[in-house]
């Protein structure tokens, strides 16, 4: 499930704080919270192209380990 529900989920903005080979952390605008982002949540070939500091839009979903960035796109 996503914040705002599946039908009308909320889109968030932030910047890529750190990037590793298969995951990264996105700093959410307004809260300053860093959220986990697995590389498979980046749309198309975005993961290879983005660098730390790049602006992104995403939805926040939930896993057993807590909130996670989903449907990540360049903004």
Protein backbone atom coordinates (compact mmCIF):
# COMPACT_ATOMS: atom_id res chain seq x y z
CA UNK A 1 0.00 0.00 0.00
CA UNK A 2 1.05 3.60 -0.57
CA UNK A 3 0.53 6.80 1.39
CA UNK A 4 -2.78 8.11 0.07
CA UNK A 5 -3.93 4.62 -1.02
CA UNK A 6 -3.49 2.73 -4.27
CA UNK A 7 -6.02 4.77 -6.25
CA UNK A 8 -4.91 8.29 -5.31
CA UNK A 9 -1.42 7.93 -3.86
CA UNK A 10 0.58 11.00 -2.87
CA UNK A 11 3.66 11.92 -4.92
CA UNK A 12 6.65 13.14 -2.93
CA UNK A 13 9.74 15.06 -3.99
CA UNK A 14 13.30 14.69 -2.76
CA UNK A 15 16.92 14.26 -3.74
CA UNK A 16 19.16 11.24 -3.95
CA UNK A 17 21.24 11.37 -0.77
CA UNK A 18 23.40 8.30 -1.37
CA UNK A 19 23.62 5.59 -4.04
CA UNK A 20 25.10 2.11 -3.85
CA UNK A 21 25.08 -0.67 -6.45
CA UNK A 22 21.60 -2.03 -5.74
CA UNK A 23 19.98 0.57 -3.50
CA UNK A 24 20.10 4.14 -2.30
CA UNK A 25 18.52 6.62 0.07
CA UNK A 26 16.33 9.53 -0.95
CA UNK A 27 16.02 12.58 1.34
CA UNK A 28 12.35 13.61 1.42
CA UNK A 29 11.67 17.35 0.97
CA UNK A 30 10.19 18.97 4.05
CA UNK A 31 10.88 16.19 6.54
CA UNK A 32 14.59 15.64 5.91
CA UNK A 33 13.98 11.92 6.41
CA UNK A 34 16.11 9.50 4.36
CA UNK A 35 14.08 6.63 2.89
CA UNK A 36 15.39 3.37 1.47
CA UNK A 37 15.11 3.02 -2.30
CA UNK A 38 15.83 -0.33 -3.99
CA UNK A 39 17.18 0.07 -7.52
CA UNK A 40 14.30 -1.90 -9.08
CA UNK A 41 11.86 0.87 -8.04
CA UNK A 42 13.49 3.35 -10.47
CA UNK A 43 11.53 3.54 -13.72
CA UNK A 44 13.12 2.59 -17.06
CA UNK A 45 16.94 2.86 -16.93
CA UNK A 46 16.92 5.73 -14.45
CA UNK A 47 19.03 3.99 -11.80
CA UNK A 48 22.12 3.94 -14.02
CA UNK A 49 21.70 7.62 -14.96
CA UNK A 50 21.01 9.29 -11.61
CA UNK A 51 23.70 10.66 -9.33
CA UNK A 52 23.75 11.84 -5.74
CA UNK A 53 21.96 15.18 -5.43
CA UNK A 54 19.59 14.58 -8.38
CA UNK A 55 15.96 15.60 -7.85
CA UNK A 56 13.39 12.79 -7.87
CA UNK A 57 9.66 12.23 -7.50
CA UNK A 58 8.32 9.05 -5.91
CA UNK A 59 5.57 7.42 -3.90
CA UNK A 60 6.08 6.02 -0.42
CA UNK A 61 5.09 2.41 0.14
CA UNK A 62 5.55 0.09 3.08
CA UNK A 63 7.52 -3.12 3.50
CA UNK A 64 8.01 -5.31 6.55
CA UNK A 65 11.08 -3.19 7.35
CA UNK A 66 9.30 0.17 7.13
CA UNK A 67 8.70 2.87 4.51
CA UNK A 68 10.33 2.54 1.10
CA UNK A 69 10.44 4.70 -2.05
CA UNK A 70 8.43 3.35 -4.99
CA UNK A 71 7.89 4.34 -8.64
CA UNK A 72 10.92 6.64 -8.64
CA UNK A 73 11.19 9.13 -11.54
CA UNK A 74 13.37 12.12 -12.35
CA UNK A 75 11.66 15.39 -11.50
